[in-house]
C-alpha atoms as a PDB file:
ATOM      1  CA  MET A   1     126.631  47.944  -7.004  1.00  0.00           C
ATOM      2  CA  ARG A   2     124.909  44.790  -8.250  1.00  0.00           C
ATOM      3  CA  ALA A   3     126.561  42.825  -5.445  1.00  0.00           C
ATOM      4  CA  PHE A   4     124.662  44.862  -2.839  1.00  0.00           C
ATOM      5  CA  GLU A   5     121.375  43.837  -4.454  1.00  0.00           C
ATOM      6  CA  ASP A   6     122.036  40.116  -3.954  1.00  0.00           C
ATOM      7  CA  LEU A   7     121.354  38.090  -0.832  1.00  0.00           C
ATOM      8  CA  VAL A   8     124.445  37.276   1.201  1.00  0.00           C
ATOM      9  CA  PRO A   9     124.806  33.487   1.658  1.00  0.00           C
ATOM     10  CA  HIS A  10     124.009  31.939   5.025  1.00  0.00           C
ATOM     11  CA  HIS A  11     124.910  28.558   6.507  1.00  0.00           C
ATOM     12  CA  ARG A  12     122.209  26.383   8.061  1.00  0.00           C
ATOM     13  CA  ILE A  13     123.108  23.361  10.220  1.00  0.00           C
ATOM     14  CA  GLU A  14     120.253  21.073  11.267  1.00  0.00           C
ATOM     15  CA  LYS A  15     120.323  18.766  14.315  1.00  0.00           C
ATOM     16  CA  PHE A  16     123.211  20.813  15.605  1.00  0.00           C
ATOM     17  CA  MET A  17     123.268  20.039  19.343  1.00  0.00           C
ATOM     18  CA  GLY A  18     121.037  17.010  19.725  1.00  0.00           C
ATOM     19  CA  PRO A  19     117.964  16.393  21.924  1.00  0.00           C
ATOM     20  CA  ALA A  20     119.903  16.200  25.206  1.00  0.00           C
ATOM     21  CA  MET A  21     121.238  19.742  24.854  1.00  0.00           C
ATOM     22  CA  VAL A  22     117.832  20.996  23.715  1.00  0.00           C
ATOM     23  CA  GLN A  23     116.360  19.669  26.947  1.00  0.00           C
ATOM     24  CA  ASP A  24     119.210  21.078  29.057  1.00  0.00           C
ATOM     25  CA  LEU A  25     118.714  24.511  27.518  1.00  0.00           C
ATOM     26  CA  LEU A  26     114.954  24.375  28.026  1.00  0.00           C
ATOM     27  CA  ASP A  27     115.471  23.399  31.656  1.00  0.00           C
ATOM     28  CA  LEU A  28     117.915  26.287  32.120  1.00  0.00           C
ATOM     29  CA  ALA A  29     115.572  28.817  30.516  1.00  0.00           C
ATOM     30  CA  ILE A  30     112.510  27.727  32.483  1.00  0.00           C
ATOM     31  CA  GLU A  31     114.449  27.518  35.763  1.00  0.00           C
ATOM     32  CA  ARG A  32     115.705  31.102  35.285  1.00  0.00           C
ATOM     33  CA  ASP A  33     112.423  32.553  34.012  1.00  0.00           C
ATOM     34  CA  GLY A  34     112.436  35.295  36.662  1.00  0.00           C
ATOM     35  CA  THR A  35     115.968  36.468  35.830  1.00  0.00           C
ATOM     36  CA  PHE A  36     115.386  37.314  32.160  1.00  0.00           C
ATOM     37  CA  MET A  37     115.664  41.060  31.487  1.00  0.00           C
ATOM     38  CA  PRO A  38     114.217  43.206  28.671  1.00  0.00           C
ATOM     39  CA  THR A  39     116.549  43.443  25.689  1.00  0.00           C
ATOM     40  CA  ALA A  40     118.096  46.785  24.755  1.00  0.00           C
ATOM     41  CA  VAL A  41     119.203  48.389  21.494  1.00  0.00           C
ATOM     42  CA  GLY A  42     122.264  50.564  20.981  1.00  0.00           C
ATOM     43  CA  ASN A  43     126.012  50.399  21.313  1.00  0.00           C
ATOM     44  CA  GLY A  44     128.218  49.974  24.377  1.00  0.00           C
ATOM     45  CA  THR A  45     126.822  51.536  27.551  1.00  0.00           C
ATOM     46  CA  THR A  46     124.312  53.632  25.590  1.00  0.00           C
ATOM     47  CA  GLY A  47     121.885  50.757  24.989  1.00  0.00           C
ATOM     48  CA  ILE A  48     118.274  51.527  25.893  1.00  0.00           C
ATOM     49  CA  VAL A  49     115.114  49.462  26.112  1.00  0.00           C
ATOM     50  CA  ASN A  50     112.887  50.450  23.186  1.00  0.00           C
ATOM     51  CA  PRO A  51     109.956  48.047  22.619  1.00  0.00           C
ATOM     52  CA  ALA A  52     109.103  49.861  19.373  1.00  0.00           C
ATOM     53  CA  ILE A  53     112.329  48.428  17.907  1.00  0.00           C
ATOM     54  CA  ARG A  54     113.038  45.309  19.945  1.00  0.00           C
ATOM     55  CA  SER A  55     110.749  43.349  22.236  1.00  0.00           C
ATOM     56  CA  SER A  56     112.176  40.254  23.933  1.00  0.00           C
ATOM     57  CA  LEU A  57     113.863  39.028  27.112  1.00  0.00           C
ATOM     58  CA  LEU A  58     117.403  37.773  27.681  1.00  0.00           C
ATOM     59  CA  ILE A  59     119.985  36.336  30.046  1.00  0.00           C
ATOM     60  CA  ARG A  60     123.749  36.067  29.528  1.00  0.00           C
ATOM     61  CA  ASP A  61     124.626  33.734  32.390  1.00  0.00           C
ATOM     62  CA  LEU A  62     124.483  30.242  30.891  1.00  0.00           C
ATOM     63  CA  GLY A  63     125.933  28.533  33.951  1.00  0.00           C
ATOM     64  CA  PRO A  64     127.571  25.129  33.520  1.00  0.00           C
ATOM     65  CA  LEU A  65     126.368  24.833  29.917  1.00  0.00           C
ATOM     66  CA  ARG A  66     128.521  27.699  28.667  1.00  0.00           C
ATOM     67  CA  ALA A  67     131.781  25.782  28.167  1.00  0.00           C
ATOM     68  CA  GLN A  68     130.070  23.020  26.182  1.00  0.00           C
ATOM     69  CA  LEU A  69     128.173  25.537  24.064  1.00  0.00           C
ATOM     70  CA  GLU A  70     131.294  27.563  23.304  1.00  0.00           C
ATOM     71  CA  ALA A  71     133.196  24.448  22.234  1.00  0.00           C
ATOM     72  CA  ARG A  72     130.411  23.371  19.882  1.00  0.00           C
ATOM     73  CA  PHE A  73     129.986  26.829  18.369  1.00  0.00           C
ATOM     74  CA  ALA A  74     133.742  27.282  17.910  1.00  0.00           C
ATOM     75  CA  ALA A  75     133.949  23.925  16.129  1.00  0.00           C
ATOM     76  CA  ALA A  76     131.569  25.202  13.428  1.00  0.00           C
ATOM     77  CA  LEU A  77     133.682  28.239  12.546  1.00  0.00           C
ATOM     78  CA  GLU A  78     136.171  26.818  10.036  1.00  0.00           C
ATOM     79  CA  GLU A  79     133.541  25.033   7.947  1.00  0.00           C
ATOM     80  CA  THR A  80     131.330  28.127   7.932  1.00  0.00           C
ATOM     81  CA  ILE A  81     134.137  30.415   6.752  1.00  0.00           C
ATOM     82  CA  GLY A  82     134.677  28.084   3.793  1.00  0.00           C
ATOM     83  CA  ILE A  83     130.999  27.747   2.899  1.00  0.00           C
ATOM     84  CA  LEU A  84     130.348  31.495   3.119  1.00  0.00           C
ATOM     85  CA  ARG A  85     133.658  32.311   1.416  1.00  0.00           C
ATOM     86  CA  LEU A  86     134.657  34.742   4.141  1.00  0.00           C
ATOM     87  CA  SER A  87     138.081  36.112   4.925  1.00  0.00           C
ATOM     88  CA  PRO A  88     139.805  34.200   7.748  1.00  0.00           C
ATOM     89  CA  ILE A  89     138.578  35.068  11.241  1.00  0.00           C
ATOM     90  CA  ARG A  90     141.137  35.113  14.046  1.00  0.00           C
ATOM     91  CA  LEU A  91     138.763  34.158  16.842  1.00  0.00           C
ATOM     92  CA  HIS A  92     139.204  36.327  19.916  1.00  0.00           C
ATOM     93  CA  SER A  93     136.138  35.251  21.876  1.00  0.00           C
ATOM     94  CA  LEU A  94     132.499  34.215  21.664  1.00  0.00           C
ATOM     95  CA  GLU A  95     129.732  36.486  22.901  1.00  0.00           C
ATOM     96  CA  LEU A  96     126.578  34.609  23.927  1.00  0.00           C
ATOM     97  CA  GLU A  97     123.082  35.495  25.041  1.00  0.00           C
ATOM     98  CA  LEU A  98     119.893  33.486  25.466  1.00  0.00           C
ATOM     99  CA  VAL A  99     116.799  35.291  24.184  1.00  0.00           C
ATOM    100  CA  ALA A 100     113.116  34.503  24.660  1.00  0.00           C
ATOM    101  CA  HIS A 101     110.477  35.824  22.237  1.00  0.00           C
ATOM    102  CA  ASN A 102     106.916  35.447  23.522  1.00  0.00           C
ATOM    103  CA  ASP A 103     103.618  36.722  22.140  1.00  0.00           C
ATOM    104  CA  GLY A 104     104.098  39.901  20.091  1.00  0.00           C
ATOM    105  CA  ALA A 105     107.888  39.921  20.442  1.00  0.00           C
ATOM    106  CA  PHE A 106     110.076  40.934  17.491  1.00  0.00           C
ATOM    107  CA  TYR A 107     113.279  42.744  16.533  1.00  0.00           C
ATOM    108  CA  GLY A 108     113.238  45.308  13.739  1.00  0.00           C
ATOM    109  CA  GLU A 109     115.822  45.421  10.981  1.00  0.00           C
ATOM    110  CA  HIS A 110     119.380  45.928  12.255  1.00  0.00           C
ATOM    111  CA  ILE A 111     122.978  44.789  11.908  1.00  0.00           C
ATOM    112  CA  ASP A 112     125.069  43.156  14.622  1.00  0.00           C
ATOM    113  CA  THR A 113     128.302  45.103  14.350  1.00  0.00           C
ATOM    114  CA  PHE A 114     127.237  47.228  17.324  1.00  0.00           C
ATOM    115  CA  THR A 115     127.612  45.461  20.643  1.00  0.00           C
ATOM    116  CA  ALA A 116     126.351  45.702  24.212  1.00  0.00           C
ATOM    117  CA  GLN A 117     129.850  44.765  25.388  1.00  0.00           C
ATOM    118  CA  SER A 118     132.628  47.318  25.008  1.00  0.00           C
ATOM    119  CA  ASP A 119     135.754  45.602  23.664  1.00  0.00           C
ATOM    120  CA  THR A 120     138.538  47.540  21.975  1.00  0.00           C
ATOM    121  CA  ARG A 121     140.414  44.352  21.025  1.00  0.00           C
ATOM    122  CA  SER A 122     137.800  42.576  18.911  1.00  0.00           C
ATOM    123  CA  ASP A 123     134.816  43.051  16.614  1.00  0.00           C
ATOM    124  CA  ARG A 124     131.764  40.991  15.769  1.00  0.00           C
ATOM    125  CA  ALA A 125     132.503  39.268  12.467  1.00  0.00           C
ATOM    126  CA  LEU A 126     130.052  36.352  12.280  1.00  0.00           C
ATOM    127  CA  THR A 127     126.600  35.883  13.805  1.00  0.00           C
ATOM    128  CA  GLY A 128     125.135  32.516  14.750  1.00  0.00           C
ATOM    129  CA  VAL A 129     121.590  31.863  15.976  1.00  0.00           C
ATOM    130  CA  TYR A 130     120.711  28.516  17.553  1.00  0.00           C
ATOM    131  CA  TYR A 131     116.994  27.689  17.913  1.00  0.00           C
ATOM    132  CA  PHE A 132     115.209  25.485  20.410  1.00  0.00           C
ATOM    133  CA  HIS A 133     111.714  25.293  21.852  1.00  0.00           C
ATOM    134  CA  ARG A 134     109.341  23.093  23.772  1.00  0.00           C
ATOM    135  CA  SER A 135     107.608  20.250  21.915  1.00  0.00           C
ATOM    136  CA  PRO A 136     105.016  20.395  20.563  1.00  0.00           C
ATOM    137  CA  LYS A 137     105.834  23.884  19.293  1.00  0.00           C
ATOM    138  CA  ALA A 138     103.431  26.400  20.847  1.00  0.00           C
ATOM    139  CA  PHE A 139     104.279  29.542  18.859  1.00  0.00           C
ATOM    140  CA  SER A 140     104.249  30.654  15.242  1.00  0.00           C
ATOM    141  CA  GLY A 141     106.087  33.366  13.369  1.00  0.00           C
ATOM    142  CA  GLY A 142     109.472  34.555  14.547  1.00  0.00           C
ATOM    143  CA  ALA A 143     111.267  33.922  11.263  1.00  0.00           C
ATOM    144  CA  LEU A 144     114.766  35.303  10.834  1.00  0.00           C
ATOM    145  CA  ARG A 145     114.610  37.587   7.791  1.00  0.00           C
ATOM    146  CA  LEU A 146     117.929  38.286   6.036  1.00  0.00           C
ATOM    147  CA  HIS A 147     117.906  41.316   3.753  1.00  0.00           C
ATOM    148  CA  ALA A 148     119.983  42.355   0.773  1.00  0.00           C
ATOM    149  CA  ILE A 149     121.940  45.513   1.494  1.00  0.00           C
ATOM    150  CA  ALA A 150     120.362  47.572  -1.284  1.00  0.00           C
ATOM    151  CA  PRO A 151     117.203  47.445  -3.427  1.00  0.00           C
ATOM    152  CA  ALA A 152     117.436  46.057  -6.947  1.00  0.00           C
ATOM    153  CA  ALA A 153     117.130  48.309  -9.996  1.00  0.00           C
ATOM    154  CA  HIS A 154     113.344  47.771 -10.115  1.00  0.00           C
ATOM    155  CA  GLY A 155     113.045  49.045  -6.532  1.00  0.00           C
ATOM    156  CA  GLU A 156     112.313  45.819  -4.644  1.00  0.00           C
ATOM    157  CA  ARG A 157     114.712  44.633  -1.978  1.00  0.00           C
ATOM    158  CA  ARG A 158     115.386  40.911  -1.808  1.00  0.00           C
ATOM    159  CA  PHE A 159     115.095  38.929   1.425  1.00  0.00           C
ATOM    160  CA  VAL A 160     114.902  35.363   2.663  1.00  0.00           C
ATOM    161  CA  ASP A 161     112.922  34.102   5.680  1.00  0.00           C
ATOM    162  CA  ILE A 162     114.364  31.305   7.816  1.00  0.00           C
ATOM    163  CA  GLU A 163     111.871  29.585  10.100  1.00  0.00           C
ATOM    164  CA  PRO A 164     113.112  28.847  13.663  1.00  0.00           C
ATOM    165  CA  GLU A 165     113.333  25.063  13.557  1.00  0.00           C
ATOM    166  CA  GLN A 166     114.192  22.874  16.530  1.00  0.00           C
ATOM    167  CA  ASP A 167     117.943  22.291  17.083  1.00  0.00           C
ATOM    168  CA  MET A 168     119.008  24.384  14.077  1.00  0.00           C
ATOM    169  CA  PHE A 169     122.011  26.724  13.879  1.00  0.00           C
ATOM    170  CA  VAL A 170     122.081  29.532  11.296  1.00  0.00           C
ATOM    171  CA  LEU A 171     125.223  31.583  10.586  1.00  0.00           C
ATOM    172  CA  PHE A 172     125.750  34.747   8.520  1.00  0.00           C
ATOM    173  CA  PRO A 173     128.137  37.738   8.474  1.00  0.00           C
ATOM    174  CA  SER A 174     127.379  40.181  11.301  1.00  0.00           C
ATOM    175  CA  TRP A 175     127.070  43.119   8.882  1.00  0.00           C
ATOM    176  CA  VAL A 176     124.089  41.579   7.062  1.00  0.00           C
ATOM    177  CA  PRO A 177     120.816  43.497   7.704  1.00  0.00           C
ATOM    178  CA  HIS A 178     118.321  41.195   9.407  1.00  0.00           C
ATOM    179  CA  GLU A 179     115.269  41.125  11.651  1.00  0.00           C
ATOM    180  CA  VAL A 180     113.122  38.809  13.764  1.00  0.00           C
ATOM    181  CA  ARG A 181     109.539  38.716  12.526  1.00  0.00           C
ATOM    182  CA  ARG A 182     106.766  39.074  15.070  1.00  0.00           C
ATOM    183  CA  VAL A 183     105.975  36.006  17.185  1.00  0.00           C
ATOM    184  CA  SER A 184     102.520  34.699  18.037  1.00  0.00           C
ATOM    185  CA  CYS A 185     102.342  32.648  21.250  1.00  0.00           C
ATOM    186  CA  PRO A 186      98.646  32.307  22.200  1.00  0.00           C
ATOM    187  CA  SER A 187      99.269  30.775  25.644  1.00  0.00           C
ATOM    188  CA  GLY A 188     101.576  33.591  26.744  1.00  0.00           C
ATOM    189  CA  ALA A 189     103.428  31.023  28.865  1.00  0.00           C
ATOM    190  CA  PHE A 190     107.154  31.713  29.118  1.00  0.00           C
ATOM    191  CA  ALA A 191     107.983  28.041  28.536  1.00  0.00           C
ATOM    192  CA  ASP A 192     106.190  28.224  25.164  1.00  0.00           C
ATOM    193  CA  SER A 193     108.490  31.004  23.896  1.00  0.00           C
ATOM    194  CA  ARG A 194     110.675  31.012  20.806  1.00  0.00           C
ATOM    195  CA  PHE A 195     114.093  30.514  22.400  1.00  0.00           C
ATOM    196  CA  ALA A 196     117.346  31.337  20.654  1.00  0.00           C
ATOM    197  CA  LEU A 197     121.000  31.436  21.576  1.00  0.00           C
ATOM    198  CA  ASN A 198     122.715  34.341  19.857  1.00  0.00           C
ATOM    199  CA  CYS A 199     126.411  33.703  19.297  1.00  0.00           C
ATOM    200  CA  TRP A 200     128.780  36.373  17.988  1.00  0.00           C
ATOM    201  CA  TYR A 201     132.192  35.302  16.793  1.00  0.00           C
ATOM    202  CA  ARG A 202     134.481  38.169  17.750  1.00  0.00           C
ATOM    203  CA  SER A 203     137.469  38.626  15.465  1.00  0.00           C
ATOM    204  CA  GLU A 204     140.756  39.814  16.892  1.00  0.00           C
ATOM    205  CA  ARG A 205     141.594  43.332  15.748  1.00  0.00           C
ATOM    206  CA  LYS A 206     144.853  43.886  13.925  1.00  0.00           C
ATOM    207  CA  ALA A 207     147.456  45.647  16.052  1.00  0.00           C
END
């Protein structure tokens, strides 16, 4: 049981995409401002919008950037498996979404093994979150908090907060409990949001 009290390791990669991709992603997000939809919680087709649990906006259509993003994310898989000492992942596909957190937005504690996409051939095994934002940064908060699975013997539950830094990619097993801390964005302007690309590495199910 002691293992459940410890923090699960995560892998942080700084300067992951480079300034050109940061700008391309910002341009895409701002251009498609009106197409972002409220995020839902739940599994499969039963997902519902519940702002008491999750408050943010998303799109899944990444247009011409998708192929380049998938290639870069896939290239990080082997190194991450080694660093996190995970069992091998037979990559089936990547599931991507672009999420905007503006003033007051957050996501309560959850795990990522549920999915908004029904797929009987694969499961989410590894979660990656890539951060980007407009410069100078116009929001605060929005840390990714990774939790231990269980409280320690003295009753406290360990956690680590990871601040959303520009051009940073953070990876961790999809079964790790985590949350997005509340964001403060005084301007309320969409372009000033905390932007993140969520990437789920879907592992092929055994026959």
